């Protein structure tokens, strides 16, 4: 090997910034799970501000009703969204969940979003179309995607298995998905024993995506992972190292890698930001994330 004294002879590869999303509460956890779990609009606003400072560019938003039950109702979403915007403006992308949690039918999920018209939302494909052979449900879902596109809402597709991914890619290849560059969230370990995730569970997703769409999709489609349990940070590190993005937070995990309970959501985001920086990837701001994910 010949070494050159010319510092310009070797250049580090230019890696795109990584998008860190915080999922601060989820649909089921309570203060009994963690005293700092943010539930009220003001608590969510403070959490948003601290996670923004720690490196988050998007917040995955769950809200509750007056009985502290999971809600998709716009009258419960709007106070939380307003409180966050009052606190930090547009410095975080606010992604509303449409998760059913056994309380909402696909029609009710769609109706709630039609009233809210959020900047961004996440859709679990298998919730809207549990059976890929159900063409009626599939058509209803695709019509909803067209509506979301007409509002300018950014959609992230939640996929729990390679079966979900193959179903999505079948729709994509038929030209049914009205999005030029879809964003995918691979959920690791949802159906594993004890619902604990492992980094190796990412590989089948990426292998399937590359086999079906080629390496360019793996490199250019905005994909992320979320993981359950104590290996959440390791799963995020694997995704970041492979060019992806990560979602972390109390929705899926309350612990630091050393086993200690995290003091708050910001601690989990700060750890992911350190991981990204150690792998020569900048942490995206919301403005950069909007550009990378084509949010208008």
C-alpha atoms as a PDB file:
ATOM      1  CA  UNK A   1       0.000   0.000   0.000  1.00  0.00           C
ATOM      2  CA  UNK A   2       1.325   3.456  -0.960  1.00  0.00           C
ATOM      3  CA  UNK A   3       0.445   6.217   1.450  1.00  0.00           C
ATOM      4  CA  UNK A   4       0.132   9.760   0.171  1.00  0.00           C
ATOM      5  CA  UNK A   5       0.894  12.915   2.105  1.00  0.00           C
ATOM      6  CA  UNK A   6      -1.813  14.677   0.084  1.00  0.00           C
ATOM      7  CA  UNK A   7      -4.775  14.914   2.446  1.00  0.00           C
ATOM      8  CA  UNK A   8      -7.108  15.330  -0.545  1.00  0.00           C
ATOM      9  CA  UNK A   9      -6.204  11.870  -1.867  1.00  0.00           C
ATOM     10  CA  UNK A  10      -8.560  10.115   0.552  1.00  0.00           C
ATOM     11  CA  UNK A  11     -12.086  11.348   1.093  1.00  0.00           C
ATOM     12  CA  UNK A  12     -14.622   9.999   3.522  1.00  0.00           C
ATOM     13  CA  UNK A  13     -17.864   8.890   1.920  1.00  0.00           C
ATOM     14  CA  UNK A  14     -20.592  11.499   2.123  1.00  0.00           C
ATOM     15  CA  UNK A  15     -23.428  10.011   4.159  1.00  0.00           C
ATOM     16  CA  UNK A  16     -26.888  11.496   4.339  1.00  0.00           C
ATOM     17  CA  UNK A  17     -28.082  12.810   7.702  1.00  0.00           C
ATOM     18  CA  UNK A  18     -30.009  10.356   9.837  1.00  0.00           C
ATOM     19  CA  UNK A  19     -33.553  11.096  10.946  1.00  0.00           C
ATOM     20  CA  UNK A  20     -34.281  10.422  14.608  1.00  0.00           C
ATOM     21  CA  UNK A  21     -37.906  10.123  15.639  1.00  0.00           C
ATOM     22  CA  UNK A  22     -39.079  10.076  19.238  1.00  0.00           C
ATOM     23  CA  UNK A  23     -42.106   7.970  20.198  1.00  0.00           C
ATOM     24  CA  UNK A  24     -42.601   9.332  23.716  1.00  0.00           C
ATOM     25  CA  UNK A  25     -45.619   7.524  25.116  1.00  0.00           C
ATOM     26  CA  UNK A  26     -47.519   5.034  22.928  1.00  0.00           C
ATOM     27  CA  UNK A  27     -51.084   3.902  23.431  1.00  0.00           C
ATOM     28  CA  UNK A  28     -50.874   1.743  26.539  1.00  0.00           C
ATOM     29  CA  UNK A  29     -48.239   2.940  29.008  1.00  0.00           C
ATOM     30  CA  UNK A  30     -49.128   5.066  32.040  1.00  0.00           C
ATOM     31  CA  UNK A  31     -47.326   7.012  34.741  1.00  0.00           C
ATOM     32  CA  UNK A  32     -47.057   3.737  36.625  1.00  0.00           C
ATOM     33  CA  UNK A  33     -44.644   2.574  33.919  1.00  0.00           C
ATOM     34  CA  UNK A  34     -42.534   5.731  34.160  1.00  0.00           C
ATOM     35  CA  UNK A  35     -43.260   8.914  36.138  1.00  0.00           C
ATOM     36  CA  UNK A  36     -42.051  11.203  33.331  1.00  0.00           C
ATOM     37  CA  UNK A  37     -44.183   9.541  30.621  1.00  0.00           C
ATOM     38  CA  UNK A  38     -45.653  12.565  28.793  1.00  0.00           C
ATOM     39  CA  UNK A  39     -49.424  12.396  28.406  1.00  0.00           C
ATOM     40  CA  UNK A  40     -50.935  15.879  28.700  1.00  0.00           C
ATOM     41  CA  UNK A  41     -50.466  18.520  25.983  1.00  0.00           C
ATOM     42  CA  UNK A  42     -48.074  20.508  28.187  1.00  0.00           C
ATOM     43  CA  UNK A  43     -46.053  17.407  29.065  1.00  0.00           C
ATOM     44  CA  UNK A  44     -45.825  16.494  25.385  1.00  0.00           C
ATOM     45  CA  UNK A  45     -44.688  20.030  24.575  1.00  0.00           C
ATOM     46  CA  UNK A  46     -41.900  19.885  27.170  1.00  0.00           C
ATOM     47  CA  UNK A  47     -40.895  16.439  25.937  1.00  0.00           C
ATOM     48  CA  UNK A  48     -40.805  17.728  22.369  1.00  0.00           C
ATOM     49  CA  UNK A  49     -38.509  20.589  23.372  1.00  0.00           C
ATOM     50  CA  UNK A  50     -36.073  18.354  25.255  1.00  0.00           C
ATOM     51  CA  UNK A  51     -35.993  15.754  22.469  1.00  0.00           C
ATOM     52  CA  UNK A  52     -35.443  18.485  19.888  1.00  0.00           C
ATOM     53  CA  UNK A  53     -32.401  19.619  21.869  1.00  0.00           C
ATOM     54  CA  UNK A  54     -31.209  16.002  22.056  1.00  0.00           C
ATOM     55  CA  UNK A  55     -31.354  15.502  18.274  1.00  0.00           C
ATOM     56  CA  UNK A  56     -34.874  14.481  17.264  1.00  0.00           C
ATOM     57  CA  UNK A  57     -36.356  15.751  14.026  1.00  0.00           C
ATOM     58  CA  UNK A  58     -39.762  14.037  14.224  1.00  0.00           C
ATOM     59  CA  UNK A  59     -42.208  13.196  17.013  1.00  0.00           C
ATOM     60  CA  UNK A  60     -44.567  10.223  16.729  1.00  0.00           C
ATOM     61  CA  UNK A  61     -47.645  11.462  18.542  1.00  0.00           C
ATOM     62  CA  UNK A  62     -50.149   9.456  20.594  1.00  0.00           C
ATOM     63  CA  UNK A  63     -52.830  11.218  22.619  1.00  0.00           C
ATOM     64  CA  UNK A  64     -55.366  10.119  25.218  1.00  0.00           C
ATOM     65  CA  UNK A  65     -58.987  10.916  26.019  1.00  0.00           C
ATOM     66  CA  UNK A  66     -60.410  12.121  29.344  1.00  0.00           C
ATOM     67  CA  UNK A  67     -60.240   8.573  30.734  1.00  0.00           C
ATOM     68  CA  UNK A  68     -56.598   8.235  29.656  1.00  0.00           C
ATOM     69  CA  UNK A  69     -57.527   5.844  26.858  1.00  0.00           C
ATOM     70  CA  UNK A  70     -55.871   5.847  23.437  1.00  0.00           C
ATOM     71  CA  UNK A  71     -57.623   8.277  21.100  1.00  0.00           C
ATOM     72  CA  UNK A  72     -57.486   9.277  17.450  1.00  0.00           C
ATOM     73  CA  UNK A  73     -60.104  12.003  17.871  1.00  0.00           C
ATOM     74  CA  UNK A  74     -59.108  15.390  16.433  1.00  0.00           C
ATOM     75  CA  UNK A  75     -60.428  17.099  19.573  1.00  0.00           C
ATOM     76  CA  UNK A  76     -57.734  15.246  21.536  1.00  0.00           C
ATOM     77  CA  UNK A  77     -55.000  15.661  18.939  1.00  0.00           C
ATOM     78  CA  UNK A  78     -55.405  19.393  18.362  1.00  0.00           C
ATOM     79  CA  UNK A  79     -54.579  20.612  21.907  1.00  0.00           C
ATOM     80  CA  UNK A  80     -51.397  18.516  21.921  1.00  0.00           C
ATOM     81  CA  UNK A  81     -50.339  19.738  18.478  1.00  0.00           C
ATOM     82  CA  UNK A  82     -51.051  23.357  19.443  1.00  0.00           C
ATOM     83  CA  UNK A  83     -49.103  23.047  22.702  1.00  0.00           C
ATOM     84  CA  UNK A  84     -46.084  21.595  20.923  1.00  0.00           C
ATOM     85  CA  UNK A  85     -46.154  24.253  18.223  1.00  0.00           C
ATOM     86  CA  UNK A  86     -46.500  26.992  20.809  1.00  0.00           C
ATOM     87  CA  UNK A  87     -43.383  25.613  22.506  1.00  0.00           C
ATOM     88  CA  UNK A  88     -41.100  24.873  19.528  1.00  0.00           C
ATOM     89  CA  UNK A  89     -42.855  26.051  16.366  1.00  0.00           C
ATOM     90  CA  UNK A  90     -42.186  23.805  13.359  1.00  0.00           C
ATOM     91  CA  UNK A  91     -38.829  22.539  14.592  1.00  0.00           C
ATOM     92  CA  UNK A  92     -40.161  18.968  14.804  1.00  0.00           C
ATOM     93  CA  UNK A  93     -42.231  17.084  12.256  1.00  0.00           C
ATOM     94  CA  UNK A  94     -45.389  16.037  14.099  1.00  0.00           C
ATOM     95  CA  UNK A  95     -46.448  12.578  12.966  1.00  0.00           C
ATOM     96  CA  UNK A  96     -49.834  11.422  14.212  1.00  0.00           C
ATOM     97  CA  UNK A  97     -50.379   7.740  14.787  1.00  0.00           C
ATOM     98  CA  UNK A  98     -53.418   6.010  13.302  1.00  0.00           C
ATOM     99  CA  UNK A  99     -52.928   2.868  15.387  1.00  0.00           C
ATOM    100  CA  UNK A 100     -56.190   1.050  16.117  1.00  0.00           C
ATOM    101  CA  UNK A 101     -55.239  -0.530  19.486  1.00  0.00           C
ATOM    102  CA  UNK A 102     -58.423  -2.592  19.233  1.00  0.00           C
ATOM    103  CA  UNK A 103     -60.564   0.547  19.509  1.00  0.00           C
ATOM    104  CA  UNK A 104     -60.880   1.716  15.904  1.00  0.00           C
ATOM    105  CA  UNK A 105     -61.970   0.130  12.653  1.00  0.00           C
ATOM    106  CA  UNK A 106     -60.165   1.093   9.419  1.00  0.00           C
ATOM    107  CA  UNK A 107     -63.122   3.314   8.509  1.00  0.00           C
ATOM    108  CA  UNK A 108     -62.888   5.102  11.858  1.00  0.00           C
ATOM    109  CA  UNK A 109     -59.116   5.504  11.491  1.00  0.00           C
ATOM    110  CA  UNK A 110     -59.599   7.063   8.078  1.00  0.00           C
ATOM    111  CA  UNK A 111     -62.423   9.331   9.254  1.00  0.00           C
ATOM    112  CA  UNK A 112     -60.314  10.710  12.107  1.00  0.00           C
ATOM    113  CA  UNK A 113     -57.464  11.620   9.751  1.00  0.00           C
ATOM    114  CA  UNK A 114     -59.862  13.125   7.214  1.00  0.00           C
ATOM    115  CA  UNK A 115     -60.950  15.571   9.902  1.00  0.00           C
ATOM    116  CA  UNK A 116     -57.441  16.246  11.243  1.00  0.00           C
ATOM    117  CA  UNK A 117     -55.426  16.375   7.982  1.00  0.00           C
ATOM    118  CA  UNK A 118     -52.075  16.195   9.801  1.00  0.00           C
ATOM    119  CA  UNK A 119     -48.674  17.173   8.461  1.00  0.00           C
ATOM    120  CA  UNK A 120     -47.543  13.561   8.784  1.00  0.00           C
ATOM    121  CA  UNK A 121     -49.087  10.246   9.784  1.00  0.00           C
ATOM    122  CA  UNK A 122     -48.126   6.614  10.135  1.00  0.00           C
ATOM    123  CA  UNK A 123     -50.196   3.788   8.679  1.00  0.00           C
ATOM    124  CA  UNK A 124     -49.890   0.134   9.620  1.00  0.00           C
ATOM    125  CA  UNK A 125     -50.611  -1.671   6.348  1.00  0.00           C
ATOM    126  CA  UNK A 126     -51.916  -4.806   8.050  1.00  0.00           C
ATOM    127  CA  UNK A 127     -54.407  -2.779  10.103  1.00  0.00           C
ATOM    128  CA  UNK A 128     -56.036  -1.364   6.996  1.00  0.00           C
ATOM    129  CA  UNK A 129     -55.706  -4.470   4.824  1.00  0.00           C
ATOM    130  CA  UNK A 130     -55.358  -7.522   7.102  1.00  0.00           C
ATOM    131  CA  UNK A 131     -55.864  -9.908   4.177  1.00  0.00           C
ATOM    132  CA  UNK A 132     -54.008  -9.046   0.938  1.00  0.00           C
ATOM    133  CA  UNK A 133     -56.744 -10.903  -0.948  1.00  0.00           C
ATOM    134  CA  UNK A 134     -59.408  -8.467   0.294  1.00  0.00           C
ATOM    135  CA  UNK A 135     -59.606  -6.176  -2.692  1.00  0.00           C
ATOM    136  CA  UNK A 136     -62.367  -4.046  -1.155  1.00  0.00           C
ATOM    137  CA  UNK A 137     -60.238  -3.201   1.885  1.00  0.00           C
ATOM    138  CA  UNK A 138     -57.235  -2.635  -0.359  1.00  0.00           C
ATOM    139  CA  UNK A 139     -59.170  -0.225  -2.573  1.00  0.00           C
ATOM    140  CA  UNK A 140     -60.425   1.701   0.470  1.00  0.00           C
ATOM    141  CA  UNK A 141     -56.828   1.983   1.713  1.00  0.00           C
ATOM    142  CA  UNK A 142     -55.480   3.141  -1.652  1.00  0.00           C
ATOM    143  CA  UNK A 143     -58.249   5.734  -1.977  1.00  0.00           C
ATOM    144  CA  UNK A 144     -57.227   7.013   1.458  1.00  0.00           C
ATOM    145  CA  UNK A 145     -53.620   7.328   0.308  1.00  0.00           C
ATOM    146  CA  UNK A 146     -54.799   9.445  -2.619  1.00  0.00           C
ATOM    147  CA  UNK A 147     -56.657  11.690  -0.185  1.00  0.00           C
ATOM    148  CA  UNK A 148     -53.587  12.067   2.013  1.00  0.00           C
ATOM    149  CA  UNK A 149     -51.525  12.985  -1.046  1.00  0.00           C
ATOM    150  CA  UNK A 150     -54.095  15.646  -1.971  1.00  0.00           C
ATOM    151  CA  UNK A 151     -53.719  17.240   1.512  1.00  0.00           C
ATOM    152  CA  UNK A 152     -49.942  17.091   1.282  1.00  0.00           C
ATOM    153  CA  UNK A 153     -49.677  14.768   4.321  1.00  0.00           C
ATOM    154  CA  UNK A 154     -46.462  12.771   4.623  1.00  0.00           C
ATOM    155  CA  UNK A 155     -47.124   9.041   5.060  1.00  0.00           C
ATOM    156  CA  UNK A 156     -44.882   6.490   6.734  1.00  0.00           C
ATOM    157  CA  UNK A 157     -45.872   2.868   6.185  1.00  0.00           C
ATOM    158  CA  UNK A 158     -45.478   0.605   9.227  1.00  0.00           C
ATOM    159  CA  UNK A 159     -44.425  -2.927   8.317  1.00  0.00           C
ATOM    160  CA  UNK A 160     -44.171  -5.692  10.924  1.00  0.00           C
ATOM    161  CA  UNK A 161     -42.845  -8.520   8.761  1.00  0.00           C
ATOM    162  CA  UNK A 162     -41.402  -9.333   5.354  1.00  0.00           C
ATOM    163  CA  UNK A 163     -44.922 -10.483   4.483  1.00  0.00           C
ATOM    164  CA  UNK A 164     -46.130  -6.925   5.088  1.00  0.00           C
ATOM    165  CA  UNK A 165     -43.223  -5.599   3.029  1.00  0.00           C
ATOM    166  CA  UNK A 166     -43.967  -7.943   0.133  1.00  0.00           C
ATOM    167  CA  UNK A 167     -47.617  -6.891   0.203  1.00  0.00           C
ATOM    168  CA  UNK A 168     -46.574  -3.241   0.102  1.00  0.00           C
ATOM    169  CA  UNK A 169     -44.159  -3.876  -2.763  1.00  0.00           C
ATOM    170  CA  UNK A 170     -46.853  -5.723  -4.710  1.00  0.00           C
ATOM    171  CA  UNK A 171     -48.965  -2.562  -4.511  1.00  0.00           C
ATOM    172  CA  UNK A 172     -45.969  -0.397  -5.368  1.00  0.00           C
ATOM    173  CA  UNK A 173     -45.038  -2.432  -8.424  1.00  0.00           C
ATOM    174  CA  UNK A 174     -48.615  -2.218  -9.700  1.00  0.00           C
ATOM    175  CA  UNK A 175     -48.409   1.571  -9.497  1.00  0.00           C
ATOM    176  CA  UNK A 176     -51.014   1.692  -6.720  1.00  0.00           C
ATOM    177  CA  UNK A 177     -49.004   3.734  -4.189  1.00  0.00           C
ATOM    178  CA  UNK A 178     -49.324   7.458  -5.058  1.00  0.00           C
ATOM    179  CA  UNK A 179     -45.945   8.399  -3.566  1.00  0.00           C
ATOM    180  CA  UNK A 180     -42.742   8.877  -5.528  1.00  0.00           C
ATOM    181  CA  UNK A 181     -40.390   7.857  -2.712  1.00  0.00           C
ATOM    182  CA  UNK A 182     -42.190   5.894   0.020  1.00  0.00           C
ATOM    183  CA  UNK A 183     -41.060   5.977   3.639  1.00  0.00           C
ATOM    184  CA  UNK A 184     -41.019   2.647   5.477  1.00  0.00           C
ATOM    185  CA  UNK A 185     -40.809   1.787   9.175  1.00  0.00           C
ATOM    186  CA  UNK A 186     -39.582  -1.733   9.895  1.00  0.00           C
ATOM    187  CA  UNK A 187     -40.789  -2.904  13.304  1.00  0.00           C
ATOM    188  CA  UNK A 188     -38.370  -5.425  14.773  1.00  0.00           C
ATOM    189  CA  UNK A 189     -39.485  -8.102  17.196  1.00  0.00           C
ATOM    190  CA  UNK A 190     -43.212  -7.410  17.246  1.00  0.00           C
ATOM    191  CA  UNK A 191     -43.974 -11.125  17.155  1.00  0.00           C
ATOM    192  CA  UNK A 192     -40.843 -12.460  18.834  1.00  0.00           C
ATOM    193  CA  UNK A 193     -40.859 -14.231  22.199  1.00  0.00           C
ATOM    194  CA  UNK A 194     -41.359 -11.627  24.908  1.00  0.00           C
ATOM    195  CA  UNK A 195     -41.525  -8.946  22.211  1.00  0.00           C
ATOM    196  CA  UNK A 196     -37.793  -8.310  22.433  1.00  0.00           C
ATOM    197  CA  UNK A 197     -36.043  -7.089  19.319  1.00  0.00           C
ATOM    198  CA  UNK A 198     -32.628  -8.025  17.944  1.00  0.00           C
ATOM    199  CA  UNK A 199     -30.588  -6.174  15.291  1.00  0.00           C
ATOM    200  CA  UNK A 200     -30.429  -9.277  13.082  1.00  0.00           C
ATOM    201  CA  UNK A 201     -34.185  -8.934  12.490  1.00  0.00           C
ATOM    202  CA  UNK A 202     -33.491  -5.970  10.230  1.00  0.00           C
ATOM    203  CA  UNK A 203     -31.623  -8.061   7.656  1.00  0.00           C
ATOM    204  CA  UNK A 204     -34.641  -9.886   6.140  1.00  0.00           C
ATOM    205  CA  UNK A 205     -36.394  -6.564   5.563  1.00  0.00           C
ATOM    206  CA  UNK A 206     -33.425  -5.066   3.719  1.00  0.00           C
ATOM    207  CA  UNK A 207     -32.774  -8.289   1.792  1.00  0.00           C
ATOM    208  CA  UNK A 208     -36.393  -8.366   0.631  1.00  0.00           C
ATOM    209  CA  UNK A 209     -36.347  -4.700  -0.352  1.00  0.00           C
ATOM    210  CA  UNK A 210     -33.102  -5.131  -2.305  1.00  0.00           C
ATOM    211  CA  UNK A 211     -34.282  -8.327  -3.992  1.00  0.00           C
ATOM    212  CA  UNK A 212     -37.540  -6.744  -5.085  1.00  0.00           C
ATOM    213  CA  UNK A 213     -36.446  -3.169  -5.814  1.00  0.00           C
ATOM    214  CA  UNK A 214     -32.658  -3.179  -6.038  1.00  0.00           C
ATOM    215  CA  UNK A 215     -29.981  -1.538  -3.963  1.00  0.00           C
ATOM    216  CA  UNK A 216     -31.056   1.953  -5.054  1.00  0.00           C
ATOM    217  CA  UNK A 217     -34.277   1.601  -3.036  1.00  0.00           C
ATOM    218  CA  UNK A 218     -32.314   0.589   0.062  1.00  0.00           C
ATOM    219  CA  UNK A 219     -30.098   3.629  -0.437  1.00  0.00           C
ATOM    220  CA  UNK A 220     -32.702   6.241  -1.359  1.00  0.00           C
ATOM    221  CA  UNK A 221     -36.050   5.281   0.163  1.00  0.00           C
ATOM    222  CA  UNK A 222     -36.290   6.775   3.687  1.00  0.00           C
ATOM    223  CA  UNK A 223     -36.518   3.692   5.900  1.00  0.00           C
ATOM    224  CA  UNK A 224     -36.388   3.492   9.663  1.00  0.00           C
ATOM    225  CA  UNK A 225     -36.506   0.904  12.408  1.00  0.00           C
ATOM    226  CA  UNK A 226     -38.176   0.773  15.773  1.00  0.00           C
ATOM    227  CA  UNK A 227     -37.464  -1.917  18.319  1.00  0.00           C
ATOM    228  CA  UNK A 228     -38.733  -3.270  21.617  1.00  0.00           C
ATOM    229  CA  UNK A 229     -36.735  -3.867  24.745  1.00  0.00           C
ATOM    230  CA  UNK A 230     -33.141  -3.465  25.922  1.00  0.00           C
ATOM    231  CA  UNK A 231     -31.545  -3.781  22.461  1.00  0.00           C
ATOM    232  CA  UNK A 232     -33.398  -0.764  21.098  1.00  0.00           C
ATOM    233  CA  UNK A 233     -30.167   1.267  20.841  1.00  0.00           C
ATOM    234  CA  UNK A 234     -28.312  -1.639  19.200  1.00  0.00           C
ATOM    235  CA  UNK A 235     -31.078  -1.944  16.610  1.00  0.00           C
ATOM    236  CA  UNK A 236     -30.925   1.802  15.995  1.00  0.00           C
ATOM    237  CA  UNK A 237     -27.132   1.619  15.636  1.00  0.00           C
ATOM    238  CA  UNK A 238     -27.447  -1.146  13.046  1.00  0.00           C
ATOM    239  CA  UNK A 239     -29.987   0.831  11.035  1.00  0.00           C
ATOM    240  CA  UNK A 240     -27.928   4.012  11.210  1.00  0.00           C
ATOM    241  CA  UNK A 241     -24.790   2.140  10.151  1.00  0.00           C
ATOM    242  CA  UNK A 242     -26.623   0.737   7.125  1.00  0.00           C
ATOM    243  CA  UNK A 243     -27.874   4.141   5.999  1.00  0.00           C
ATOM    244  CA  UNK A 244     -31.281   4.102   7.651  1.00  0.00           C
ATOM    245  CA  UNK A 245     -33.050   6.037  10.359  1.00  0.00           C
ATOM    246  CA  UNK A 246     -34.393   5.201  13.804  1.00  0.00           C
ATOM    247  CA  UNK A 247     -37.400   5.709  16.035  1.00  0.00           C
ATOM    248  CA  UNK A 248     -36.828   5.472  19.781  1.00  0.00           C
ATOM    249  CA  UNK A 249     -38.712   6.294  22.924  1.00  0.00           C
ATOM    250  CA  UNK A 250     -40.807   5.150  25.830  1.00  0.00           C
ATOM    251  CA  UNK A 251     -43.500   3.713  23.551  1.00  0.00           C
ATOM    252  CA  UNK A 252     -41.279   0.668  22.992  1.00  0.00           C
ATOM    253  CA  UNK A 253     -38.478   0.843  25.557  1.00  0.00           C
ATOM    254  CA  UNK A 254     -37.785   2.476  28.919  1.00  0.00           C
ATOM    255  CA  UNK A 255     -34.168   1.418  29.421  1.00  0.00           C
ATOM    256  CA  UNK A 256     -30.669   2.534  28.579  1.00  0.00           C
ATOM    257  CA  UNK A 257     -28.272  -0.088  27.162  1.00  0.00           C
ATOM    258  CA  UNK A 258     -26.742  -0.601  30.613  1.00  0.00           C
ATOM    259  CA  UNK A 259     -30.109  -1.763  31.922  1.00  0.00           C
ATOM    260  CA  UNK A 260     -30.870   1.336  33.943  1.00  0.00           C
ATOM    261  CA  UNK A 261     -34.221   3.045  33.481  1.00  0.00           C
ATOM    262  CA  UNK A 262     -33.797   6.074  31.237  1.00  0.00           C
ATOM    263  CA  UNK A 263     -34.594   9.366  32.980  1.00  0.00           C
ATOM    264  CA  UNK A 264     -36.672  10.576  30.043  1.00  0.00           C
ATOM    265  CA  UNK A 265     -37.190  10.220  26.304  1.00  0.00           C
ATOM    266  CA  UNK A 266     -34.504  12.780  25.538  1.00  0.00           C
ATOM    267  CA  UNK A 267     -31.864  10.461  26.998  1.00  0.00           C
ATOM    268  CA  UNK A 268     -32.741   7.789  24.424  1.00  0.00           C
ATOM    269  CA  UNK A 269     -32.604  10.304  21.571  1.00  0.00           C
ATOM    270  CA  UNK A 270     -29.301  11.743  22.799  1.00  0.00           C
ATOM    271  CA  UNK A 271     -27.812   8.259  22.808  1.00  0.00           C
ATOM    272  CA  UNK A 272     -28.948   7.670  19.221  1.00  0.00           C
ATOM    273  CA  UNK A 273     -27.485  11.033  18.197  1.00  0.00           C
ATOM    274  CA  UNK A 274     -24.121   9.992  19.678  1.00  0.00           C
ATOM    275  CA  UNK A 275     -24.329   6.709  17.766  1.00  0.00           C
ATOM    276  CA  UNK A 276     -24.986   8.576  14.524  1.00  0.00           C
ATOM    277  CA  UNK A 277     -22.081  10.936  15.071  1.00  0.00           C
ATOM    278  CA  UNK A 278     -19.771   8.015  15.838  1.00  0.00           C
ATOM    279  CA  UNK A 279     -20.699   6.600  12.428  1.00  0.00           C
ATOM    280  CA  UNK A 280     -19.988   9.891  10.626  1.00  0.00           C
ATOM    281  CA  UNK A 281     -23.636  10.715  10.089  1.00  0.00           C
ATOM    282  CA  UNK A 282     -25.073  14.063  10.980  1.00  0.00           C
ATOM    283  CA  UNK A 283     -28.382  14.218  12.775  1.00  0.00           C
ATOM    284  CA  UNK A 284     -31.071  15.735  10.575  1.00  0.00           C
ATOM    285  CA  UNK A 285     -32.971  18.819  11.583  1.00  0.00           C
ATOM    286  CA  UNK A 286     -36.684  18.857  10.859  1.00  0.00           C
ATOM    287  CA  UNK A 287     -35.999  21.052   7.829  1.00  0.00           C
ATOM    288  CA  UNK A 288     -33.476  18.553   6.473  1.00  0.00           C
ATOM    289  CA  UNK A 289     -35.777  15.626   7.281  1.00  0.00           C
ATOM    290  CA  UNK A 290     -38.605  17.278   5.377  1.00  0.00           C
ATOM    291  CA  UNK A 291     -36.317  17.562   2.364  1.00  0.00           C
ATOM    292  CA  UNK A 292     -35.110  13.954   2.637  1.00  0.00           C
ATOM    293  CA  UNK A 293     -38.652  12.630   2.950  1.00  0.00           C
ATOM    294  CA  UNK A 294     -40.166  15.036   0.393  1.00  0.00           C
ATOM    295  CA  UNK A 295     -42.542  16.650   2.891  1.00  0.00           C
ATOM    296  CA  UNK A 296     -44.080  19.737   1.352  1.00  0.00           C
END
